[in-house]
Amino acid sequence: MQTELDKETLFQLSQIFKALGDPTRLRILNLLCTGEYAVGEIAARLGVSQSATSHQLRLLKNLRLVKFRREGTTLFYSEDDPHVIGLLRQAVAHVSHP
């Protein structure tokens, strides 16, 4: 059995669940489960402004849930944490279950 969680672990967990509590961030992570996308493409696919998309991606990057690579002036994002993506997929399966 696992012992009590320390303060830092609790804080990090709360930040991840807080990030997953936002519909736009969930939509971004769900999209990134399917591959790598440029910021503009993410914004267009989700119907969200590029500025708002960049803001959400920055937050997700700071939590190490997404990563990026630069190609010229374009940033391409992809998922960076298979554990959280697995949690997301399990949650989707849970709410989709009749």
C-alpha atoms as a PDB file:
ATOM      1  CA  MET A   1       0.000   0.000   0.000  1.00  0.00           C
ATOM      2  CA  GLN A   2       1.250   3.493  -0.839  1.00  0.00           C
ATOM      3  CA  THR A   3       2.129   5.899   1.938  1.00  0.00           C
ATOM      4  CA  GLU A   4       0.801   9.424   2.260  1.00  0.00           C
ATOM      5  CA  LEU A   5       1.728  11.799  -0.573  1.00  0.00           C
ATOM      6  CA  ASP A   6       4.241  14.538   0.157  1.00  0.00           C
ATOM      7  CA  LYS A   7       3.390  18.210  -0.386  1.00  0.00           C
ATOM      8  CA  GLU A   8       5.291  18.553  -3.671  1.00  0.00           C
ATOM      9  CA  THR A   9       3.643  15.481  -5.172  1.00  0.00           C
ATOM     10  CA  LEU A  10       0.218  16.722  -4.067  1.00  0.00           C
ATOM     11  CA  PHE A  11       0.905  20.124  -5.607  1.00  0.00           C
ATOM     12  CA  GLN A  12       2.034  18.645  -8.927  1.00  0.00           C
ATOM     13  CA  LEU A  13      -0.969  16.315  -9.038  1.00  0.00           C
ATOM     14  CA  SER A  14      -3.354  19.173  -8.335  1.00  0.00           C
ATOM     15  CA  GLN A  15      -1.807  21.221 -11.156  1.00  0.00           C
ATOM     16  CA  ILE A  16      -2.226  18.354 -13.634  1.00  0.00           C
ATOM     17  CA  PHE A  17      -5.858  17.787 -12.652  1.00  0.00           C
ATOM     18  CA  LYS A  18      -6.459  21.535 -12.768  1.00  0.00           C
ATOM     19  CA  ALA A  19      -5.083  21.598 -16.326  1.00  0.00           C
ATOM     20  CA  LEU A  20      -7.275  18.649 -17.275  1.00  0.00           C
ATOM     21  CA  GLY A  21     -10.294  20.473 -15.865  1.00  0.00           C
ATOM     22  CA  ASP A  22     -10.375  22.924 -18.774  1.00  0.00           C
ATOM     23  CA  PRO A  23     -12.326  21.872 -21.909  1.00  0.00           C
ATOM     24  CA  THR A  24      -9.974  23.680 -24.320  1.00  0.00           C
ATOM     25  CA  ARG A  25      -6.898  22.024 -22.845  1.00  0.00           C
ATOM     26  CA  LEU A  26      -8.642  18.647 -22.989  1.00  0.00           C
ATOM     27  CA  ARG A  27      -9.450  19.244 -26.656  1.00  0.00           C
ATOM     28  CA  ILE A  28      -5.822  20.176 -27.350  1.00  0.00           C
ATOM     29  CA  LEU A  29      -4.486  17.073 -25.595  1.00  0.00           C
ATOM     30  CA  ASN A  30      -7.026  14.886 -27.350  1.00  0.00           C
ATOM     31  CA  LEU A  31      -5.929  16.280 -30.721  1.00  0.00           C
ATOM     32  CA  LEU A  32      -2.240  15.838 -29.876  1.00  0.00           C
ATOM     33  CA  CYS A  33      -2.927  12.162 -29.126  1.00  0.00           C
ATOM     34  CA  THR A  34      -3.232  11.772 -32.895  1.00  0.00           C
ATOM     35  CA  GLY A  35       0.060  13.427 -33.843  1.00  0.00           C
ATOM     36  CA  GLU A  36       2.119  16.582 -34.052  1.00  0.00           C
ATOM     37  CA  TYR A  37       0.513  19.879 -35.072  1.00  0.00           C
ATOM     38  CA  ALA A  38       1.582  23.481 -35.619  1.00  0.00           C
ATOM     39  CA  VAL A  39      -0.023  26.068 -33.342  1.00  0.00           C
ATOM     40  CA  GLY A  40      -2.029  27.555 -36.208  1.00  0.00           C
ATOM     41  CA  GLU A  41      -3.346  24.153 -37.207  1.00  0.00           C
ATOM     42  CA  ILE A  42      -4.398  23.370 -33.627  1.00  0.00           C
ATOM     43  CA  ALA A  43      -6.197  26.718 -33.429  1.00  0.00           C
ATOM     44  CA  ALA A  44      -7.964  26.162 -36.756  1.00  0.00           C
ATOM     45  CA  ARG A  45      -9.038  22.598 -35.958  1.00  0.00           C
ATOM     46  CA  LEU A  46     -10.436  23.617 -32.578  1.00  0.00           C
ATOM     47  CA  GLY A  47     -11.935  26.933 -33.688  1.00  0.00           C
ATOM     48  CA  VAL A  48      -9.965  28.830 -31.036  1.00  0.00           C
ATOM     49  CA  SER A  49      -7.848  31.936 -31.606  1.00  0.00           C
ATOM     50  CA  GLN A  50      -4.141  31.365 -32.140  1.00  0.00           C
ATOM     51  CA  SER A  51      -3.405  33.568 -29.131  1.00  0.00           C
ATOM     52  CA  ALA A  52      -5.659  31.522 -26.836  1.00  0.00           C
ATOM     53  CA  THR A  53      -4.210  28.295 -28.234  1.00  0.00           C
ATOM     54  CA  SER A  54      -0.653  29.483 -27.602  1.00  0.00           C
ATOM     55  CA  HIS A  55      -1.592  30.439 -24.047  1.00  0.00           C
ATOM     56  CA  GLN A  56      -3.049  26.993 -23.340  1.00  0.00           C
ATOM     57  CA  LEU A  57      -0.086  25.236 -24.966  1.00  0.00           C
ATOM     58  CA  ARG A  58       2.325  27.255 -22.810  1.00  0.00           C
ATOM     59  CA  LEU A  59       0.528  26.094 -19.680  1.00  0.00           C
ATOM     60  CA  LEU A  60       0.539  22.476 -20.858  1.00  0.00           C
ATOM     61  CA  LYS A  61       4.236  22.737 -21.751  1.00  0.00           C
ATOM     62  CA  ASN A  62       5.082  24.125 -18.316  1.00  0.00           C
ATOM     63  CA  LEU A  63       3.394  21.066 -16.796  1.00  0.00           C
ATOM     64  CA  ARG A  64       5.392  18.826 -19.197  1.00  0.00           C
ATOM     65  CA  LEU A  65       2.194  17.480 -20.752  1.00  0.00           C
ATOM     66  CA  VAL A  66       3.175  18.651 -24.243  1.00  0.00           C
ATOM     67  CA  LYS A  67       6.483  19.296 -25.973  1.00  0.00           C
ATOM     68  CA  PHE A  68       7.407  21.318 -29.022  1.00  0.00           C
ATOM     69  CA  ARG A  69       9.963  21.557 -31.747  1.00  0.00           C
ATOM     70  CA  ARG A  70      10.759  24.572 -33.854  1.00  0.00           C
ATOM     71  CA  GLU A  71      10.982  24.501 -37.625  1.00  0.00           C
ATOM     72  CA  GLY A  72      11.905  27.990 -38.796  1.00  0.00           C
ATOM     73  CA  THR A  73       9.354  30.266 -37.162  1.00  0.00           C
ATOM     74  CA  THR A  74       6.756  27.526 -36.707  1.00  0.00           C
ATOM     75  CA  LEU A  75       6.285  25.604 -33.461  1.00  0.00           C
ATOM     76  CA  PHE A  76       5.014  22.039 -33.689  1.00  0.00           C
ATOM     77  CA  TYR A  77       3.470  20.503 -30.569  1.00  0.00           C
ATOM     78  CA  SER A  78       2.965  16.887 -29.558  1.00  0.00           C
ATOM     79  CA  GLU A  79       2.024  15.052 -26.378  1.00  0.00           C
ATOM     80  CA  ASP A  80       4.858  14.591 -23.897  1.00  0.00           C
ATOM     81  CA  ASP A  81       3.465  12.407 -21.132  1.00  0.00           C
ATOM     82  CA  PRO A  82       2.090   8.978 -22.000  1.00  0.00           C
ATOM     83  CA  HIS A  83       0.870   8.565 -18.406  1.00  0.00           C
ATOM     84  CA  VAL A  84      -1.421  11.586 -18.611  1.00  0.00           C
ATOM     85  CA  ILE A  85      -2.524  10.668 -22.119  1.00  0.00           C
ATOM     86  CA  GLY A  86      -3.391   7.200 -20.783  1.00  0.00           C
ATOM     87  CA  LEU A  87      -5.364   8.834 -17.980  1.00  0.00           C
ATOM     88  CA  LEU A  88      -7.176  10.998 -20.540  1.00  0.00           C
ATOM     89  CA  ARG A  89      -8.035   7.957 -22.670  1.00  0.00           C
ATOM     90  CA  GLN A  90      -9.287   6.062 -19.621  1.00  0.00           C
ATOM     91  CA  ALA A  91     -11.446   9.020 -18.607  1.00  0.00           C
ATOM     92  CA  VAL A  92     -12.913   9.232 -22.118  1.00  0.00           C
ATOM     93  CA  ALA A  93     -13.653   5.498 -22.030  1.00  0.00           C
ATOM     94  CA  HIS A  94     -15.239   5.909 -18.600  1.00  0.00           C
ATOM     95  CA  VAL A  95     -17.625   8.691 -19.655  1.00  0.00           C
ATOM     96  CA  SER A  96     -18.385   6.893 -22.937  1.00  0.00           C
ATOM     97  CA  HIS A  97     -19.319   3.674 -21.173  1.00  0.00           C
ATOM     98  CA  PRO A  98     -23.099   3.110 -21.111  1.00  0.00           C
END
